[in-house]
Amino acid sequence: MVIHKDPFRQFQEELAALERKQQAEQASHETAAGRAKREFLALRDRYKLTVADVVAFFPEEEGIAYLQGLIAAAEANPRKTRTKKD
């Protein structure tokens, strides 16, 4: 008896097919605004845009929410201060 594909490879192919199906479903449900937001966030990361660029791009409520997220992240990770060596 000849096995054409080993079970692991078959599992990988089936998993990849499921992932492609999920991505296709997700893309079809994505709105134009959601797609624009995702693309802009990718551009922000790629081109190192400033906070002002991001806030100006989004509607006022989302800009405020973005700033609040930045503030919360900064408060969650307080700066470490240096101690003076004698």
C-alpha atoms as a PDB file:
ATOM      1  CA  MET A   1       0.000   0.000   0.000  1.00  0.00           C
ATOM      2  CA  VAL A   2       1.441   3.335  -1.077  1.00  0.00           C
ATOM      3  CA  ILE A   3       0.651   6.532   0.845  1.00  0.00           C
ATOM      4  CA  HIS A   4       0.747   9.494  -1.497  1.00  0.00           C
ATOM      5  CA  LYS A   5       1.015  12.125   1.232  1.00  0.00           C
ATOM      6  CA  ASP A   6       2.212  11.787   4.722  1.00  0.00           C
ATOM      7  CA  PRO A   7      -0.428  12.696   7.341  1.00  0.00           C
ATOM      8  CA  PHE A   8       1.412  15.795   8.564  1.00  0.00           C
ATOM      9  CA  ARG A   9       1.616  17.336   5.085  1.00  0.00           C
ATOM     10  CA  GLN A  10      -2.060  16.564   4.486  1.00  0.00           C
ATOM     11  CA  PHE A  11      -2.920  18.219   7.820  1.00  0.00           C
ATOM     12  CA  GLN A  12      -0.899  21.311   6.851  1.00  0.00           C
ATOM     13  CA  GLU A  13      -2.682  21.571   3.507  1.00  0.00           C
ATOM     14  CA  GLU A  14      -6.116  21.217   5.111  1.00  0.00           C
ATOM     15  CA  LEU A  15      -5.233  23.819   7.734  1.00  0.00           C
ATOM     16  CA  ALA A  16      -4.001  26.229   5.065  1.00  0.00           C
ATOM     17  CA  ALA A  17      -7.248  25.747   3.119  1.00  0.00           C
ATOM     18  CA  LEU A  18      -9.282  26.550   6.240  1.00  0.00           C
ATOM     19  CA  GLU A  19      -7.214  29.682   6.886  1.00  0.00           C
ATOM     20  CA  ARG A  20      -7.692  30.866   3.303  1.00  0.00           C
ATOM     21  CA  LYS A  21     -11.427  30.295   3.640  1.00  0.00           C
ATOM     22  CA  GLN A  22     -11.558  32.299   6.896  1.00  0.00           C
ATOM     23  CA  GLN A  23      -9.546  35.145   5.376  1.00  0.00           C
ATOM     24  CA  ALA A  24     -11.864  35.254   2.370  1.00  0.00           C
ATOM     25  CA  GLU A  25     -14.921  35.386   4.640  1.00  0.00           C
ATOM     26  CA  GLN A  26     -13.322  38.066   6.786  1.00  0.00           C
ATOM     27  CA  ALA A  27     -12.402  40.150   3.753  1.00  0.00           C
ATOM     28  CA  SER A  28     -15.937  39.944   2.401  1.00  0.00           C
ATOM     29  CA  HIS A  29     -17.376  41.188   5.711  1.00  0.00           C
ATOM     30  CA  GLU A  30     -14.903  44.035   6.033  1.00  0.00           C
ATOM     31  CA  THR A  31     -16.374  47.468   5.375  1.00  0.00           C
ATOM     32  CA  ALA A  32     -14.693  50.141   3.333  1.00  0.00           C
ATOM     33  CA  ALA A  33     -14.024  52.167   6.489  1.00  0.00           C
ATOM     34  CA  GLY A  34     -12.522  49.144   8.221  1.00  0.00           C
ATOM     35  CA  ARG A  35     -10.287  48.409   5.254  1.00  0.00           C
ATOM     36  CA  ALA A  36      -9.153  52.055   5.092  1.00  0.00           C
ATOM     37  CA  LYS A  37      -8.390  52.039   8.802  1.00  0.00           C
ATOM     38  CA  ARG A  38      -6.353  48.826   8.536  1.00  0.00           C
ATOM     39  CA  GLU A  39      -4.428  50.156   5.545  1.00  0.00           C
ATOM     40  CA  PHE A  40      -3.747  53.473   7.268  1.00  0.00           C
ATOM     41  CA  LEU A  41      -2.454  51.750  10.391  1.00  0.00           C
ATOM     42  CA  ALA A  42      -0.114  49.716   8.195  1.00  0.00           C
ATOM     43  CA  LEU A  43       1.096  52.931   6.541  1.00  0.00           C
ATOM     44  CA  ARG A  44       1.559  54.550   9.950  1.00  0.00           C
ATOM     45  CA  ASP A  45       3.845  51.727  10.988  1.00  0.00           C
ATOM     46  CA  ARG A  46       5.719  51.688   7.676  1.00  0.00           C
ATOM     47  CA  TYR A  47       6.290  55.447   7.390  1.00  0.00           C
ATOM     48  CA  LYS A  48       6.544  56.260  11.114  1.00  0.00           C
ATOM     49  CA  LEU A  49       3.716  58.784  11.044  1.00  0.00           C
ATOM     50  CA  THR A  50       3.223  61.066  14.030  1.00  0.00           C
ATOM     51  CA  VAL A  51       0.305  61.138  16.446  1.00  0.00           C
ATOM     52  CA  ALA A  52      -0.922  64.342  14.765  1.00  0.00           C
ATOM     53  CA  ASP A  53      -1.071  62.547  11.398  1.00  0.00           C
ATOM     54  CA  VAL A  54      -3.109  59.727  12.885  1.00  0.00           C
ATOM     55  CA  VAL A  55      -5.491  61.991  14.806  1.00  0.00           C
ATOM     56  CA  ALA A  56      -6.093  64.139  11.708  1.00  0.00           C
ATOM     57  CA  PHE A  57      -6.910  61.052   9.613  1.00  0.00           C
ATOM     58  CA  PHE A  58      -9.595  59.506  11.824  1.00  0.00           C
ATOM     59  CA  PRO A  59     -12.934  61.004  12.814  1.00  0.00           C
ATOM     60  CA  GLU A  60     -12.781  62.993  16.044  1.00  0.00           C
ATOM     61  CA  GLU A  61     -14.119  60.190  18.266  1.00  0.00           C
ATOM     62  CA  GLU A  62     -11.662  57.633  16.949  1.00  0.00           C
ATOM     63  CA  GLY A  63      -8.782  60.114  17.233  1.00  0.00           C
ATOM     64  CA  ILE A  64      -9.639  60.693  20.870  1.00  0.00           C
ATOM     65  CA  ALA A  65      -9.905  56.938  21.463  1.00  0.00           C
ATOM     66  CA  TYR A  66      -6.491  56.480  19.835  1.00  0.00           C
ATOM     67  CA  LEU A  67      -4.937  59.129  22.085  1.00  0.00           C
ATOM     68  CA  GLN A  68      -6.545  57.547  25.147  1.00  0.00           C
ATOM     69  CA  GLY A  69      -5.039  54.204  24.134  1.00  0.00           C
ATOM     70  CA  LEU A  70      -1.594  55.776  23.849  1.00  0.00           C
ATOM     71  CA  ILE A  71      -1.961  57.403  27.262  1.00  0.00           C
ATOM     72  CA  ALA A  72      -3.141  54.158  28.848  1.00  0.00           C
ATOM     73  CA  ALA A  73      -0.205  52.277  27.326  1.00  0.00           C
ATOM     74  CA  ALA A  74       2.236  54.894  28.596  1.00  0.00           C
ATOM     75  CA  GLU A  75       0.758  54.745  32.098  1.00  0.00           C
ATOM     76  CA  ALA A  76       0.882  50.958  32.109  1.00  0.00           C
ATOM     77  CA  ASN A  77       4.622  51.030  31.410  1.00  0.00           C
ATOM     78  CA  PRO A  78       6.073  53.815  33.567  1.00  0.00           C
ATOM     79  CA  ARG A  79       9.529  55.095  32.737  1.00  0.00           C
ATOM     80  CA  LYS A  80      12.394  53.699  34.702  1.00  0.00           C
ATOM     81  CA  THR A  81      14.497  56.321  36.380  1.00  0.00           C
ATOM     82  CA  ARG A  82      18.243  56.075  36.671  1.00  0.00           C
ATOM     83  CA  THR A  83      19.811  55.847  40.033  1.00  0.00           C
ATOM     84  CA  LYS A  84      22.964  57.820  40.658  1.00  0.00           C
ATOM     85  CA  LYS A  85      26.061  55.849  41.399  1.00  0.00           C
ATOM     86  CA  ASP A  86      28.169  57.212  44.231  1.00  0.00           C
END
